[in-house]
Amino acid sequence: MAKPDSSDIDLKMAETFGEKPKEDEDEPEEKPAIDPKEEKKNTELERSKWRSRRKMAWIALLAEILVTVALFVAPIEEKRISIISEAIIWFYFSMSSIIGFYMGSTTWAYVGKSRGR
């Protein structure tokens, strides 16, 4: 019995899942023409989003640093710090989440660009 060709398998799977089989994978797909003004607007919007995300991450990092310095330098009684310790922990967690999200999404976008997504 002859071993099935990979194109036969692809065709059979496409029929099974109700997809149209690809005729020729070497031909690039035609992309619709994008208006240059619309493209510029989208590019500026993306830049604005990344600027805002970066600003938010920097503000979160600076807030963590300022709170840490304030806890060590300010003359606050240990009893008062122990009362608000839970809020301080949540503050650090939320600020670190913002910073981590920015770093992760930046890395994800960079990897996506290098893979051509």
Protein backbone atom coordinates (compact mmCIF):
# COMPACT_ATOMS: atom_id res chain seq x y z
CA MET A 1 0.00 0.00 0.00
CA ALA A 2 1.40 3.37 -1.04
CA LYS A 3 2.01 6.02 1.57
CA PRO A 4 -0.36 8.99 1.10
CA ASP A 5 1.13 12.24 -0.12
CA SER A 6 1.10 15.17 2.32
CA SER A 7 -1.02 17.21 -0.10
CA ASP A 8 -3.63 14.40 -0.08
CA ILE A 9 -3.68 14.49 3.71
CA ASP A 10 -4.07 18.29 3.70
CA LEU A 11 -6.92 18.04 1.19
CA LYS A 12 -8.67 15.33 3.22
CA MET A 13 -8.33 17.36 6.46
CA ALA A 14 -9.63 20.47 4.71
CA GLU A 15 -12.66 18.55 3.47
CA THR A 16 -13.23 17.08 6.95
CA PHE A 17 -13.20 20.44 8.67
CA GLY A 18 -15.11 22.26 5.92
CA GLU A 19 -12.24 24.46 4.84
CA LYS A 20 -11.31 25.41 1.32
CA PRO A 21 -8.06 23.74 0.30
CA LYS A 22 -5.20 26.05 -0.60
CA GLU A 23 -4.42 25.93 -4.30
CA ASP A 24 -0.87 27.21 -4.20
CA GLU A 25 0.94 28.31 -1.06
CA ASP A 26 3.72 30.02 -3.02
CA GLU A 27 1.49 32.83 -4.23
CA PRO A 28 1.21 35.71 -1.76
CA GLU A 29 -2.26 36.72 -0.72
CA GLU A 30 -3.41 40.03 -2.12
CA LYS A 31 -4.00 42.59 0.58
CA PRO A 32 -6.59 45.30 0.05
CA ALA A 33 -5.16 48.72 -0.69
CA ILE A 34 -4.96 50.87 2.43
CA ASP A 35 -5.50 54.58 2.21
CA PRO A 36 -2.24 56.38 3.18
CA LYS A 37 -4.14 58.77 5.46
CA GLU A 38 -5.81 55.84 7.24
CA GLU A 39 -2.47 54.05 7.58
CA LYS A 40 -0.84 57.17 9.05
CA LYS A 41 -3.76 57.56 11.47
CA ASN A 42 -3.46 53.92 12.57
CA THR A 43 0.30 54.24 13.00
CA GLU A 44 -0.07 57.38 15.10
CA LEU A 45 -2.77 55.69 17.19
CA GLU A 46 -0.46 52.71 17.84
CA ARG A 47 2.38 55.05 18.82
CA SER A 48 0.07 56.90 21.17
CA LYS A 49 -1.04 53.66 22.81
CA TRP A 50 2.57 52.55 23.36
CA ARG A 51 3.54 55.97 24.72
CA SER A 52 0.68 55.81 27.21
CA ARG A 53 1.60 52.28 28.27
CA ARG A 54 5.24 53.24 28.71
CA LYS A 55 4.27 56.32 30.74
CA MET A 56 2.02 54.22 32.96
CA ALA A 57 4.82 51.69 33.57
CA TRP A 58 7.31 54.41 34.47
CA ILE A 59 4.86 56.09 36.83
CA ALA A 60 4.18 52.73 38.52
CA LEU A 61 7.91 52.09 38.94
CA LEU A 62 8.52 55.57 40.36
CA ALA A 63 5.56 55.17 42.73
CA GLU A 64 7.01 51.89 44.04
CA ILE A 65 10.39 53.55 44.59
CA LEU A 66 8.87 56.58 46.33
CA VAL A 67 6.73 54.45 48.65
CA THR A 68 9.72 52.29 49.54
CA VAL A 69 11.86 55.33 50.31
CA ALA A 70 9.02 56.92 52.29
CA LEU A 71 8.58 53.78 54.41
CA PHE A 72 12.28 53.71 55.31
CA VAL A 73 12.88 57.46 55.71
CA ALA A 74 9.65 58.90 57.10
CA PRO A 75 9.22 58.81 60.86
CA ILE A 76 6.24 56.47 60.87
CA GLU A 77 5.57 54.24 63.84
CA GLU A 78 5.86 50.51 63.27
CA LYS A 79 2.32 50.05 64.61
CA ARG A 80 0.87 52.29 61.89
CA ILE A 81 2.83 50.50 59.19
CA SER A 82 1.57 47.13 60.42
CA ILE A 83 -2.01 48.43 60.21
CA ILE A 84 -1.67 49.45 56.54
CA SER A 85 0.68 46.62 55.56
CA GLU A 86 -2.04 44.78 53.63
CA ALA A 87 -2.78 47.88 51.57
CA ILE A 88 0.93 48.38 50.93
CA ILE A 89 1.26 44.78 49.73
CA TRP A 90 -1.66 45.22 47.32
CA PHE A 91 -0.17 48.51 46.13
CA TYR A 92 3.14 46.83 45.31
CA PHE A 93 1.33 43.92 43.63
CA SER A 94 -0.78 46.18 41.42
CA MET A 95 2.13 48.44 40.43
CA SER A 96 4.29 45.41 39.64
CA SER A 97 1.45 43.98 37.54
CA ILE A 98 1.34 47.16 35.46
CA ILE A 99 5.09 47.05 34.92
CA GLY A 100 5.02 43.33 34.13
CA PHE A 101 2.18 43.76 31.66
CA TYR A 102 4.06 46.49 29.83
CA MET A 103 7.23 44.41 29.63
CA GLY A 104 5.33 41.33 28.50
CA SER A 105 3.25 43.08 25.88
CA THR A 106 6.32 44.87 24.52
CA THR A 107 8.16 41.57 24.21
CA TRP A 108 5.12 39.94 22.61
CA ALA A 109 4.84 42.74 20.05
CA TYR A 110 8.56 42.57 19.29
CA VAL A 111 8.46 38.79 18.77
CA GLY A 112 5.35 39.15 16.62
CA LYS A 113 7.06 41.70 14.38
CA SER A 114 10.13 39.53 13.97
CA ARG A 115 7.96 36.56 12.97
CA GLY A 116 6.01 38.68 10.50
CA ARG A 117 2.64 38.70 12.24
